[in-house]
Amino acid sequence: MDIAMSATTQENPSITNKSPQEIDDLLERLNHANLSGEDKELLKGCVEFSTWMPATLQKKNITISNLRRVLFGDTKDGKKKKDSHSGDGKCADMVDQDASKEKADESEKEDTPTSTETANQLVPTTDKELDSKDKPKGHGRLGHGAYVDAINVSIEIAGLRAGDACPEQCGGKLYALKIPSIVIRITGNPLAGVTRYHLERLRCALCGVLIKAALPPGVHESEKYDARLKAELALQKYYMGMPFYRQQIFQGMLNFPLPDATQFELCEDVANCGYPVIGALEKEAANGQLVHQDDTSARILSVISDNKKNPDKKRTGMYTTGIIAKTQTDRQIALFYTGTQHAGENLMALLTKRCDDKEKILQMCDALASNMPPALKAIICNCLAHGFRKFRDLLDYYPTPCLHVMHELGKVYRIEEETKGMNPEERLVHHRKYSKSIMLKLHTWLKAQLSEKHVEPNSHLGQAIKYMLRHWKKLRRFLTTPGAPLDNNIVEAALKIPIRVRKSAMFYKTLHGAEIGNILTSLIVTAKLSNENPIKYLIALQDNKSSVFKDPAAWMPWRYRITLQQLALKKVA
């Protein structure tokens, strides 16, 4: 069925409720009307569709993709074809989630409009593809290879070996298959296993000397808790967001008393082993090529108490700053700072470790003044996703202009998807070839909304437009500077970890407690970004504490495995 809609239609059609009898009477009148056969069939189809569609939607059990499949079938011709720049970019995903896009053929044939009149002619429609029927079906279960640290147990067949006669007495001989049958058995275990050693003691009846049985190798009387338990506690609190008191309750249920104060002391031990590495990471990050930064709120009880005692303090806020630095070798380093300083101040302190012969570092952040102190020497890039979200938040109130801006920025993100695998110079050339014209037309369109008085400057839409125009040079930095990113999404995703901890545990008691959280979160997230197992990494730092203090740079997450191998070779030699 082809349904046409006038391009000049601006208002939603009025809804009129009719009973089934009234619909039947209307169809009967159409049969006797003085109309051609084609006109009657068209009008009958429209009436039937107008009654079927609301009834179907009211059932609330049909998705858009299923509705499209019902209406237009499931043939390949019915599926939309993506244009050459149709990746699944981040902002493109946001457009799909929050609003429909322009028709695919219109987006390929027409350039970006430069006035509100042209933009108002856009007819939005969904741009998601139908679910692929060619996708292979799976059972959804993990294969045995997913369990990397599983204990392997080989079981032989009792009484039989390769070469023996077949037990079925068929005259044949048995031979071994290369691939054995594999069965996975998963058992539950508590966080900690407690072993109680009963050491025999003997005393001399004459001299009184006391002799005590020796502990097994690797077990020391002074070390009640092992490195793995400490590492797991650190991840439970500072990555998973599990407060110490909840862990205390849970462990109590398993008959393993572990007070919350003890848990903090154990995590403090891990931080003491790892804090020299933070200095090495900071130096590496300061001399990198790019830093992402952002802030989120924090609560520190000692600071709150001090604010109450000193109500005239100028600085009363508390923040957790997240910094993701990209090094010259494309390593990613995560650093977190919780205290009373803003992100810009924390970044300035970090860049004091930058070598003087280095060029200005690229800095990606939002447009808050606290992120960009005047004394900060950096090439500043502003987050394009922040500008996108300003229009997305206004979509319900100004659908046509907001859809236009979101759609154009979505094109840029689809082009960004195409640059994966390119070096910074190749990426710059690609964006200048395909994204520059999009951004130029969008800039012209934004200015026209205000200059031609299509938008009230003081309205929410006007404020969003003025934000984009005011920071336009920094928003389009990816078109002028090699390696400049489009957005700050990577650090915003990393900040979800301290936000998770804040929502669950609510606060730090002291600045010292916040510093412990900063160290552990930085080490854990950097290990994750380096595709290393954080638990194994934290265990290695504890087991080699003296070596870590001697050469912290050798124990950064992406180097520690090589360092362990070198230490093992020295012991053998």
Protein backbone atom coordinates (compact mmCIF):
# COMPACT_ATOMS: atom_id res chain seq x y z
CA MET A 1 0.00 0.00 0.00
CA ASP A 2 1.43 3.43 -0.96
CA ILE A 3 0.42 6.27 1.33
CA ALA A 4 1.26 9.80 0.21
CA MET A 5 1.47 12.82 2.50
CA SER A 6 1.64 16.45 1.50
CA ALA A 7 5.04 18.04 2.19
CA THR A 8 3.26 21.16 3.45
CA THR A 9 1.37 19.29 6.20
CA GLN A 10 2.60 20.67 9.51
CA GLU A 11 -0.03 19.61 12.06
CA ASN A 12 -0.97 16.14 13.23
CA PRO A 13 -4.27 14.84 11.74
CA SER A 14 -7.33 15.03 13.96
CA ILE A 15 -8.57 11.76 15.48
CA THR A 16 -12.26 10.85 15.13
CA ASN A 17 -13.66 7.79 16.86
CA LYS A 18 -16.15 5.74 14.83
CA SER A 19 -18.02 2.58 15.80
CA PRO A 20 -17.74 -0.55 13.62
CA GLN A 21 -21.31 0.03 12.40
CA GLU A 22 -20.46 3.59 11.35
CA ILE A 23 -17.40 2.35 9.47
CA ASP A 24 -19.53 -0.24 7.65
CA ASP A 25 -22.06 2.45 6.72
CA LEU A 26 -19.27 4.65 5.39
CA LEU A 27 -17.91 1.84 3.22
CA GLU A 28 -21.41 1.16 1.91
CA ARG A 29 -21.80 4.82 0.92
CA LEU A 30 -18.47 4.66 -0.87
CA ASN A 31 -19.71 1.70 -2.91
CA HIS A 32 -22.66 3.77 -4.18
CA ALA A 33 -20.69 7.00 -4.65
CA ASN A 34 -20.12 8.41 -8.13
CA LEU A 35 -16.41 7.58 -8.19
CA SER A 36 -14.14 5.53 -10.42
CA GLY A 37 -13.20 2.01 -9.38
CA GLU A 38 -9.60 3.03 -8.55
CA ASP A 39 -10.80 5.93 -6.36
CA LYS A 40 -13.16 3.64 -4.47
CA GLU A 41 -10.41 1.10 -3.83
CA LEU A 42 -8.02 3.82 -2.63
CA LEU A 43 -10.58 5.35 -0.24
CA LYS A 44 -11.61 1.92 1.08
CA GLY A 45 -7.97 1.12 1.77
CA CYS A 46 -7.49 4.40 3.64
CA VAL A 47 -10.57 3.79 5.81
CA GLU A 48 -9.55 0.22 6.61
CA PHE A 49 -5.97 1.28 7.37
CA SER A 50 -7.12 4.13 9.64
CA THR A 51 -9.13 1.67 11.76
CA TRP A 52 -6.54 -1.11 11.76
CA MET A 53 -3.51 1.02 12.72
CA PRO A 54 -4.83 2.47 16.05
CA ALA A 55 -6.18 -0.92 17.10
CA THR A 56 -2.82 -2.56 16.38
CA LEU A 57 -0.80 0.09 18.23
CA GLN A 58 -3.11 -0.01 21.24
CA LYS A 59 -2.26 -3.67 21.77
CA LYS A 60 1.28 -2.51 22.74
CA ASN A 61 2.78 -5.79 21.57
CA ILE A 62 4.15 -4.84 18.17
CA THR A 63 7.54 -3.27 17.47
CA ILE A 64 8.28 -0.76 14.72
CA SER A 65 10.29 -3.35 12.79
CA ASN A 66 7.43 -5.89 13.00
CA LEU A 67 4.91 -3.24 11.98
CA ARG A 68 7.02 -2.35 8.95
CA ARG A 69 7.36 -6.03 8.11
CA VAL A 70 3.55 -6.45 8.27
CA LEU A 71 2.96 -3.43 6.03
CA PHE A 72 5.70 -3.79 3.46
CA GLY A 73 6.76 -7.41 3.67
CA ASP A 74 10.22 -8.83 4.37
CA THR A 75 11.81 -8.78 0.92
CA LYS A 76 15.24 -7.34 0.28
CA ASP A 77 13.70 -4.64 -1.86
CA GLY A 78 11.72 -3.45 1.18
CA LYS A 79 14.85 -2.89 3.21
CA LYS A 80 16.54 0.45 3.22
CA LYS A 81 19.99 0.65 1.79
CA LYS A 82 22.60 2.57 3.72
CA ASP A 83 24.52 5.31 1.97
CA SER A 84 28.32 5.37 1.86
CA HIS A 85 28.49 7.08 5.25
CA SER A 86 25.97 4.97 7.17
CA GLY A 87 27.92 3.62 10.16
CA ASP A 88 26.55 3.11 13.63
CA GLY A 89 28.04 6.32 15.03
CA LYS A 90 27.36 7.34 18.60
CA CYS A 91 25.29 10.37 17.75
CA ALA A 92 23.61 8.46 14.94
CA ASP A 93 22.50 5.94 17.55
CA MET A 94 21.09 8.81 19.62
CA VAL A 95 19.11 10.02 16.61
CA ASP A 96 17.68 6.53 16.11
CA GLN A 97 16.70 6.30 19.77
CA ASP A 98 15.14 9.72 20.17
CA ALA A 99 13.70 10.63 16.78
CA SER A 100 13.23 9.45 13.20
CA LYS A 101 15.49 10.63 10.40
CA GLU A 102 14.99 11.94 6.89
CA LYS A 103 14.20 9.49 4.14
CA ALA A 104 17.36 7.82 2.86
CA ASP A 105 16.91 8.95 -0.75
CA GLU A 106 16.37 12.60 0.31
CA SER A 107 19.53 12.60 2.43
CA GLU A 108 21.55 11.43 -0.60
CA LYS A 109 20.06 13.78 -3.19
CA GLU A 110 19.65 17.04 -1.25
CA ASP A 111 22.25 19.20 0.44
CA THR A 112 21.74 20.60 3.91
CA PRO A 113 19.14 23.42 3.87
CA THR A 114 20.34 26.89 4.78
CA SER A 115 17.07 28.31 6.03
CA THR A 116 14.17 27.34 8.23
CA GLU A 117 11.83 27.23 5.24
CA THR A 118 13.87 24.48 3.61
CA ALA A 119 14.33 22.62 6.89
CA ASN A 120 10.58 22.59 7.53
CA GLN A 121 10.10 20.52 4.38
CA LEU A 122 11.99 17.58 5.87
CA VAL A 123 9.73 14.55 6.26
CA PRO A 124 11.15 12.48 9.18
CA THR A 125 11.01 8.74 9.06
CA THR A 126 12.83 5.90 10.77
CA ASP A 127 16.26 4.92 9.48
CA LYS A 128 16.78 1.58 11.26
CA GLU A 129 17.24 -1.52 9.21
CA LEU A 130 14.98 -4.51 9.49
CA ASP A 131 16.26 -7.39 11.61
CA SER A 132 18.44 -9.57 9.41
CA LYS A 133 17.04 -13.05 8.79
CA ASP A 134 20.51 -14.19 7.67
CA LYS A 135 21.91 -13.87 11.20
CA PRO A 136 22.91 -17.35 12.37
CA LYS A 137 20.94 -18.64 15.31
CA GLY A 138 22.78 -19.66 18.47
CA HIS A 139 21.87 -21.23 21.77
CA GLY A 140 23.17 -18.20 23.73
CA ARG A 141 25.37 -20.30 26.03
CA LEU A 142 29.09 -19.79 26.55
CA GLY A 143 31.49 -22.32 25.10
CA HIS A 144 34.02 -24.08 27.30
CA GLY A 145 36.81 -21.90 25.90
CA ALA A 146 35.29 -18.86 27.65
CA TYR A 147 36.46 -20.21 31.02
CA VAL A 148 40.12 -19.25 30.76
CA ASP A 149 41.11 -20.07 34.35
CA ALA A 150 39.16 -23.33 34.59
CA ILE A 151 40.82 -26.32 36.29
CA ASN A 152 41.34 -29.04 33.68
CA VAL A 153 40.80 -32.63 34.79
CA SER A 154 41.49 -35.51 32.39
CA ILE A 155 39.49 -38.70 33.01
CA GLU A 156 40.45 -41.97 31.32
CA ILE A 157 38.09 -44.82 30.53
CA ALA A 158 38.46 -47.50 33.19
CA GLY A 159 39.78 -50.81 31.83
CA LEU A 160 40.17 -49.71 28.21
CA ARG A 161 42.94 -48.16 26.14
CA ALA A 162 43.60 -47.33 22.50
CA GLY A 163 44.45 -50.54 20.65
CA ASP A 164 42.27 -52.77 22.81
CA ALA A 165 39.59 -54.95 21.25
CA CYS A 166 36.12 -53.46 20.99
CA PRO A 167 33.99 -54.44 24.01
CA GLU A 168 31.10 -55.08 21.62
CA GLN A 169 33.12 -58.09 20.31
CA CYS A 170 32.75 -56.95 16.73
CA GLY A 171 36.37 -57.79 15.93
CA GLY A 172 37.52 -54.16 15.65
CA LYS A 173 40.06 -52.27 17.73
CA LEU A 174 39.63 -49.02 19.62
CA TYR A 175 41.53 -45.87 18.65
CA ALA A 176 41.72 -42.49 20.43
CA LEU A 177 39.79 -39.49 19.13
CA LYS A 178 41.78 -36.26 18.99
CA ILE A 179 39.00 -34.19 20.55
CA PRO A 180 37.74 -35.45 23.92
CA SER A 181 34.22 -34.96 25.20
CA ILE A 182 34.10 -31.87 27.42
CA VAL A 183 31.74 -31.28 30.34
CA ILE A 184 31.70 -28.01 32.29
CA ARG A 185 30.90 -28.13 36.01
CA ILE A 186 30.60 -24.78 37.81
CA THR A 187 30.52 -24.71 41.61
CA GLY A 188 29.88 -21.85 43.99
CA ASN A 189 32.69 -20.59 46.21
CA PRO A 190 32.85 -17.88 48.88
CA LEU A 191 34.99 -14.79 48.35
CA ALA A 192 37.56 -16.23 50.76
CA GLY A 193 38.51 -19.71 51.86
CA VAL A 194 39.69 -19.91 55.46
CA THR A 195 42.33 -22.48 56.41
CA ARG A 196 43.05 -23.16 60.07
CA TYR A 197 46.52 -24.62 60.68
CA HIS A 198 46.96 -26.68 63.84
CA LEU A 199 50.70 -26.57 64.48
CA GLU A 200 52.03 -29.23 66.78
CA ARG A 201 54.15 -27.91 69.64
CA LEU A 202 56.72 -29.77 71.74
CA ARG A 203 58.49 -28.54 74.84
CA CYS A 204 61.61 -29.97 76.47
CA ALA A 205 60.94 -31.10 80.01
CA LEU A 206 64.50 -30.19 81.06
CA CYS A 207 65.47 -26.92 79.33
CA GLY A 208 61.95 -25.74 78.43
CA VAL A 209 62.69 -25.07 74.74
CA LEU A 210 59.54 -24.82 72.58
CA ILE A 211 59.48 -26.49 69.18
CA LYS A 212 56.66 -25.69 66.73
CA ALA A 213 55.78 -27.32 63.42
CA ALA A 214 56.69 -25.30 60.31
CA LEU A 215 54.03 -23.76 58.07
CA PRO A 216 53.75 -24.93 54.44
CA PRO A 217 55.83 -23.03 51.82
CA GLY A 218 54.28 -19.71 50.88
CA VAL A 219 52.29 -19.38 54.11
CA HIS A 220 53.51 -16.78 56.59
CA GLU A 221 52.20 -16.37 60.10
CA SER A 222 52.30 -12.56 59.84
CA GLU A 223 50.14 -12.49 56.66
CA LYS A 224 46.58 -13.37 57.60
CA TYR A 225 45.05 -12.22 54.29
CA ASP A 226 46.55 -13.10 50.92
CA ALA A 227 47.06 -10.82 47.91
CA ARG A 228 44.15 -12.20 45.89
CA LEU A 229 41.62 -11.51 48.63
CA LYS A 230 42.85 -7.92 48.92
CA ALA A 231 42.67 -7.44 45.16
CA GLU A 232 39.14 -8.82 44.98
CA LEU A 233 38.00 -6.57 47.83
CA ALA A 234 39.46 -3.56 46.02
CA LEU A 235 37.56 -4.40 42.83
CA GLN A 236 34.35 -5.11 44.74
CA LYS A 237 34.41 -1.63 46.28
CA TYR A 238 36.17 0.66 43.81
CA TYR A 239 34.98 -0.87 40.54
CA MET A 240 31.74 -2.75 41.28
CA GLY A 241 30.56 -0.15 43.81
CA MET A 242 29.88 -2.61 46.64
CA PRO A 243 30.12 -0.76 50.00
CA PHE A 244 32.23 -2.33 52.70
CA TYR A 245 29.30 -2.73 55.10
CA ARG A 246 27.31 -4.71 52.51
CA GLN A 247 30.29 -6.98 51.93
CA GLN A 248 30.52 -7.43 55.70
CA ILE A 249 26.88 -8.58 55.83
CA PHE A 250 27.30 -10.91 52.86
CA GLN A 251 30.51 -12.49 54.16
CA GLY A 252 28.84 -12.95 57.53
CA MET A 253 26.18 -15.06 55.83
CA LEU A 254 29.02 -17.29 54.59
CA ASN A 255 30.40 -17.65 58.14
CA PHE A 256 33.42 -15.51 57.24
CA PRO A 257 33.42 -12.42 59.48
CA LEU A 258 35.13 -9.53 57.68
CA PRO A 259 34.50 -6.15 59.36
CA ASP A 260 34.20 -3.12 57.11
CA ALA A 261 37.13 -1.39 58.87
CA THR A 262 39.33 -4.40 58.13
CA GLN A 263 38.28 -4.32 54.49
CA PHE A 264 39.39 -0.69 54.19
CA GLU A 265 42.76 -1.53 55.75
CA LEU A 266 43.26 -4.36 53.26
CA CYS A 267 42.40 -2.06 50.33
CA GLU A 268 44.77 0.52 51.79
CA ASP A 269 47.54 -2.09 51.67
CA VAL A 270 46.87 -2.62 47.96
CA ALA A 271 46.97 1.14 47.32
CA ASN A 272 50.27 1.42 49.20
CA CYS A 273 51.77 -1.16 46.85
CA GLY A 274 50.44 0.60 43.75
CA TYR A 275 50.81 4.32 44.43
CA PRO A 276 54.39 4.55 42.97
CA VAL A 277 52.91 3.37 39.66
CA ILE A 278 50.48 6.33 39.73
CA GLY A 279 53.45 8.71 39.54
CA ALA A 280 54.80 6.86 36.51
CA LEU A 281 51.36 6.90 34.87
CA GLU A 282 51.00 10.64 35.52
CA LYS A 283 54.36 11.35 33.88
CA GLU A 284 53.43 9.22 30.87
CA ALA A 285 50.00 10.88 30.61
CA ALA A 286 51.41 14.41 30.93
CA ASN A 287 53.73 13.79 27.97
CA GLY A 288 51.03 12.25 25.80
CA GLN A 289 49.30 13.76 22.80
CA LEU A 290 45.69 14.03 24.04
CA VAL A 291 43.78 14.30 27.32
CA HIS A 292 40.05 13.97 27.94
CA GLN A 293 38.76 15.46 31.19
CA ASP A 294 35.48 15.96 33.03
CA ASP A 295 34.08 16.38 36.53
CA THR A 296 31.36 14.79 38.61
CA SER A 297 30.24 15.64 42.12
CA ALA A 298 31.63 13.92 45.23
CA ARG A 299 30.99 13.87 48.97
CA ILE A 300 33.75 13.87 51.60
CA LEU A 301 32.53 14.02 55.19
CA SER A 302 35.64 15.72 56.56
CA VAL A 303 35.34 18.49 53.95
CA ILE A 304 31.62 18.89 54.65
CA SER A 305 32.38 19.21 58.36
CA ASP A 306 35.08 21.80 57.67
CA ASN A 307 32.69 23.78 55.46
CA LYS A 308 30.23 23.98 58.34
CA LYS A 309 32.93 25.21 60.71
CA ASN A 310 34.12 27.80 58.16
CA PRO A 311 31.02 29.18 56.41
CA ASP A 312 33.06 31.95 54.72
CA LYS A 313 35.12 29.52 52.67
CA LYS A 314 35.19 30.43 48.97
CA ARG A 315 35.57 26.86 47.79
CA THR A 316 33.03 24.46 49.30
CA GLY A 317 32.35 22.09 46.41
CA MET A 318 33.78 18.57 46.04
CA TYR A 319 34.49 16.87 42.75
CA THR A 320 35.86 13.71 41.20
CA THR A 321 37.90 14.53 38.11
CA GLY A 322 38.37 11.89 35.45
CA ILE A 323 41.26 12.20 33.00
CA ILE A 324 41.85 9.80 30.12
CA ALA A 325 45.19 10.43 28.42
CA LYS A 326 46.32 9.01 25.10
CA THR A 327 50.07 8.52 24.81
CA GLN A 328 52.28 8.74 21.74
CA THR A 329 52.09 4.94 21.47
CA ASP A 330 48.27 4.97 21.59
CA ARG A 331 48.17 3.71 25.19
CA GLN A 332 45.24 4.95 27.28
CA ILE A 333 45.77 5.99 30.89
CA ALA A 334 42.94 6.67 33.35
CA LEU A 335 43.54 8.98 36.31
CA PHE A 336 41.02 10.03 38.95
CA TYR A 337 41.26 12.84 41.51
CA THR A 338 38.69 13.42 44.26
CA GLY A 339 38.84 16.61 46.31
CA THR A 340 38.01 20.29 46.14
CA GLN A 341 39.78 21.08 42.86
CA HIS A 342 38.09 21.37 39.47
CA ALA A 343 39.10 19.37 36.42
CA GLY A 344 41.05 22.29 34.95
CA GLU A 345 43.11 22.69 38.12
CA ASN A 346 43.85 18.97 38.30
CA LEU A 347 44.91 18.99 34.66
CA MET A 348 47.22 21.96 35.24
CA ALA A 349 48.86 20.11 38.13
CA LEU A 350 49.30 17.06 35.89
CA LEU A 351 50.85 19.06 33.04
CA THR A 352 53.60 20.38 35.32
CA LYS A 353 55.21 16.99 34.63
CA ARG A 354 55.21 17.63 30.87
CA CYS A 355 58.60 18.12 29.23
CA ASP A 356 59.31 21.67 28.09
CA ASP A 357 60.25 20.61 24.56
CA LYS A 358 56.82 19.06 23.96
CA GLU A 359 54.20 20.80 21.82
CA LYS A 360 50.89 21.87 23.34
CA ILE A 361 48.75 18.94 24.31
CA LEU A 362 45.27 18.41 22.84
CA GLN A 363 42.62 18.88 25.53
CA MET A 364 39.04 17.61 25.05
CA CYS A 365 36.44 18.86 27.50
CA ASP A 366 33.06 20.55 27.69
CA ALA A 367 32.79 24.33 27.52
CA LEU A 368 32.73 25.02 31.29
CA ALA A 369 35.15 27.75 32.34
CA SER A 370 36.43 25.58 35.21
CA ASN A 371 37.78 23.11 32.64
CA MET A 372 39.85 25.76 30.87
CA PRO A 373 41.84 27.99 33.27
CA PRO A 374 43.53 30.92 31.48
CA ALA A 375 47.00 29.69 32.47
CA LEU A 376 46.42 26.26 30.91
CA LYS A 377 48.57 25.75 27.81
CA ALA A 378 46.68 23.38 25.54
CA ILE A 379 44.87 23.14 22.22
CA ILE A 380 41.28 23.04 23.41
CA CYS A 381 38.62 20.91 21.73
CA ASN A 382 35.00 21.06 22.81
CA CYS A 383 32.61 18.12 22.89
CA LEU A 384 30.34 17.83 19.86
CA ALA A 385 28.11 15.38 21.74
CA HIS A 386 27.32 18.09 24.32
CA GLY A 387 26.00 20.30 21.53
CA PHE A 388 24.05 17.37 20.12
CA ARG A 389 22.40 16.66 23.47
CA LYS A 390 21.23 20.25 23.83
CA PHE A 391 19.06 19.77 20.74
CA ARG A 392 18.03 16.24 21.67
CA ASP A 393 16.64 17.53 24.98
CA LEU A 394 14.47 20.02 23.07
CA LEU A 395 13.24 17.55 20.47
CA ASP A 396 9.68 17.34 21.85
CA TYR A 397 9.28 21.12 21.73
CA TYR A 398 11.07 22.00 18.47
CA PRO A 399 11.04 18.76 16.44
CA THR A 400 11.86 20.06 12.97
CA PRO A 401 14.95 22.22 13.68
CA CYS A 402 16.27 19.82 16.32
CA LEU A 403 15.92 16.85 13.98
CA HIS A 404 17.82 18.76 11.33
CA VAL A 405 20.78 19.53 13.62
CA MET A 406 20.84 16.00 15.04
CA HIS A 407 20.72 14.47 11.59
CA GLU A 408 23.60 16.59 10.29
CA LEU A 409 25.78 15.81 13.31
CA GLY A 410 24.86 12.16 12.87
CA LYS A 411 26.38 12.32 9.38
CA VAL A 412 29.66 13.52 10.88
CA TYR A 413 29.69 10.61 13.33
CA ARG A 414 29.07 8.14 10.53
CA ILE A 415 32.07 9.58 8.71
CA GLU A 416 34.08 9.24 11.93
CA GLU A 417 33.26 5.51 11.93
CA GLU A 418 34.93 5.25 8.53
CA THR A 419 38.22 6.63 9.90
CA LYS A 420 38.88 3.61 12.15
CA GLY A 421 42.35 2.29 11.41
CA MET A 422 43.56 5.57 9.89
CA ASN A 423 46.45 7.56 11.33
CA PRO A 424 45.72 11.14 12.54
CA GLU A 425 46.78 12.75 9.24
CA GLU A 426 44.69 10.37 7.11
CA ARG A 427 41.73 10.88 9.43
CA LEU A 428 42.06 14.66 9.11
CA VAL A 429 42.10 14.46 5.32
CA HIS A 430 39.04 12.19 5.32
CA HIS A 431 37.05 14.52 7.57
CA ARG A 432 38.04 17.59 5.57
CA LYS A 433 36.87 15.85 2.41
CA TYR A 434 33.48 14.68 3.70
CA SER A 435 32.65 16.47 6.99
CA LYS A 436 33.81 20.00 6.25
CA SER A 437 30.94 20.79 3.89
CA ILE A 438 28.42 19.35 6.36
CA MET A 439 29.73 21.48 9.20
CA LEU A 440 29.91 24.58 6.99
CA LYS A 441 26.29 24.24 5.87
CA LEU A 442 25.19 23.57 9.45
CA HIS A 443 27.01 26.69 10.65
CA THR A 444 25.30 28.77 7.94
CA TRP A 445 21.92 27.31 8.89
CA LEU A 446 22.44 28.00 12.60
CA LYS A 447 23.37 31.63 11.96
CA ALA A 448 20.35 32.06 9.70
CA GLN A 449 17.96 30.95 12.47
CA LEU A 450 19.00 33.95 14.56
CA SER A 451 19.78 36.53 11.88
CA GLU A 452 16.53 35.88 9.99
CA LYS A 453 14.62 35.79 13.30
CA HIS A 454 13.23 32.30 12.82
CA VAL A 455 14.17 31.53 16.43
CA GLU A 456 13.83 33.70 19.52
CA PRO A 457 17.43 34.18 20.81
CA ASN A 458 16.41 33.91 24.48
CA SER A 459 14.35 30.74 24.01
CA HIS A 460 15.77 27.34 24.90
CA LEU A 461 16.31 26.61 21.23
CA GLY A 462 18.00 29.96 20.77
CA GLN A 463 20.31 29.22 23.69
CA ALA A 464 21.26 25.86 22.15
CA ILE A 465 22.03 27.53 18.82
CA LYS A 466 24.09 30.27 20.49
CA TYR A 467 26.06 27.61 22.40
CA MET A 468 27.03 25.95 19.12
CA LEU A 469 27.96 29.24 17.46
CA ARG A 470 29.88 30.56 20.48
CA HIS A 471 32.10 27.47 20.65
CA TRP A 472 32.12 26.62 16.95
CA LYS A 473 35.90 26.88 16.47
CA LYS A 474 36.56 24.40 19.28
CA LEU A 475 33.70 22.13 18.21
CA ARG A 476 35.17 21.76 14.71
CA ARG A 477 38.76 21.25 15.88
CA PHE A 478 38.74 17.80 14.30
CA LEU A 479 38.75 19.57 10.92
CA THR A 480 41.91 21.58 11.63
CA THR A 481 44.12 19.55 14.02
CA PRO A 482 45.33 15.96 13.50
CA GLY A 483 44.16 13.65 16.26
CA ALA A 484 41.49 15.99 17.65
CA PRO A 485 38.51 13.90 18.83
CA LEU A 486 34.83 14.65 18.23
CA ASP A 487 33.58 14.23 21.77
CA ASN A 488 34.36 13.53 25.40
CA ASN A 489 32.40 10.29 25.63
CA ILE A 490 35.36 8.14 26.68
CA VAL A 491 35.96 9.99 29.95
CA GLU A 492 32.23 10.31 30.64
CA ALA A 493 31.99 6.52 30.40
CA ALA A 494 34.98 6.13 32.74
CA LEU A 495 33.39 8.50 35.28
CA LYS A 496 30.47 6.10 35.62
CA ILE A 497 32.71 3.98 37.85
CA PRO A 498 33.25 6.59 40.62
CA ILE A 499 29.61 7.64 40.13
CA ARG A 500 28.58 4.03 40.77
CA VAL A 501 30.67 4.00 43.94
CA ARG A 502 29.17 7.33 45.02
CA LYS A 503 25.61 6.12 44.53
CA SER A 504 26.22 2.92 46.48
CA ALA A 505 28.61 4.04 49.24
CA MET A 506 27.46 7.70 49.15
CA PHE A 507 30.64 9.34 50.51
CA TYR A 508 34.27 9.15 51.56
CA LYS A 509 34.99 9.72 55.21
CA THR A 510 38.26 11.64 54.75
CA LEU A 511 40.49 13.01 52.01
CA HIS A 512 42.83 10.10 52.73
CA GLY A 513 40.03 7.64 52.02
CA ALA A 514 39.28 9.50 48.79
CA GLU A 515 42.95 9.25 47.79
CA ILE A 516 42.88 5.47 48.33
CA GLY A 517 39.86 5.32 46.03
CA ASN A 518 41.65 7.47 43.42
CA ILE A 519 44.71 5.21 43.35
CA LEU A 520 42.81 1.94 43.11
CA THR A 521 40.26 3.19 40.57
CA SER A 522 43.04 4.62 38.38
CA LEU A 523 45.00 1.35 38.44
CA ILE A 524 41.93 -0.80 37.80
CA VAL A 525 40.55 1.26 34.91
CA THR A 526 43.97 1.67 33.27
CA ALA A 527 44.44 -2.10 33.45
CA LYS A 528 41.04 -2.58 31.81
CA LEU A 529 41.94 -0.09 29.06
CA SER A 530 45.15 -2.06 28.51
CA ASN A 531 43.19 -5.33 28.17
CA GLU A 532 44.82 -6.70 31.33
CA ASN A 533 43.07 -8.53 34.16
CA PRO A 534 42.93 -6.02 37.06
CA ILE A 535 42.91 -8.75 39.74
CA LYS A 536 46.06 -10.40 38.41
CA TYR A 537 47.66 -6.99 38.03
CA LEU A 538 46.94 -5.94 41.62
CA ILE A 539 48.20 -9.31 42.87
CA ALA A 540 51.47 -8.82 40.97
CA LEU A 541 51.95 -5.36 42.51
CA GLN A 542 51.52 -6.80 46.01
CA ASP A 543 53.78 -9.80 45.43
CA ASN A 544 56.56 -7.58 44.07
CA LYS A 545 56.24 -4.50 46.28
CA SER A 546 59.97 -3.84 46.65
CA SER A 547 60.54 -4.10 42.90
CA VAL A 548 57.59 -1.75 42.26
CA PHE A 549 59.13 0.91 44.48
CA LYS A 550 62.54 0.55 42.77
CA ASP A 551 61.22 0.94 39.21
CA PRO A 552 57.54 1.98 39.04
CA ALA A 553 57.64 2.52 35.26
CA ALA A 554 58.35 -1.18 34.74
CA TRP A 555 55.10 -2.04 36.51
CA MET A 556 52.62 -0.10 34.43
CA PRO A 557 49.73 -2.36 33.33
CA TRP A 558 50.96 -2.94 29.78
CA ARG A 559 54.55 -3.71 30.93
CA TYR A 560 54.18 -5.74 34.10
CA ARG A 561 54.00 -9.14 32.36
CA ILE A 562 57.38 -8.57 30.71
CA THR A 563 58.80 -7.46 34.07
CA LEU A 564 57.52 -10.64 35.73
CA GLN A 565 59.21 -12.76 33.06
CA GLN A 566 62.50 -10.90 33.55
CA LEU A 567 62.35 -11.44 37.32
CA ALA A 568 61.65 -15.14 36.81
CA LEU A 569 64.69 -15.47 34.51
CA LYS A 570 66.90 -13.77 37.11
CA LYS A 571 65.77 -16.23 39.78
CA VAL A 572 66.55 -19.18 37.51
CA ALA A 573 69.97 -17.77 36.66
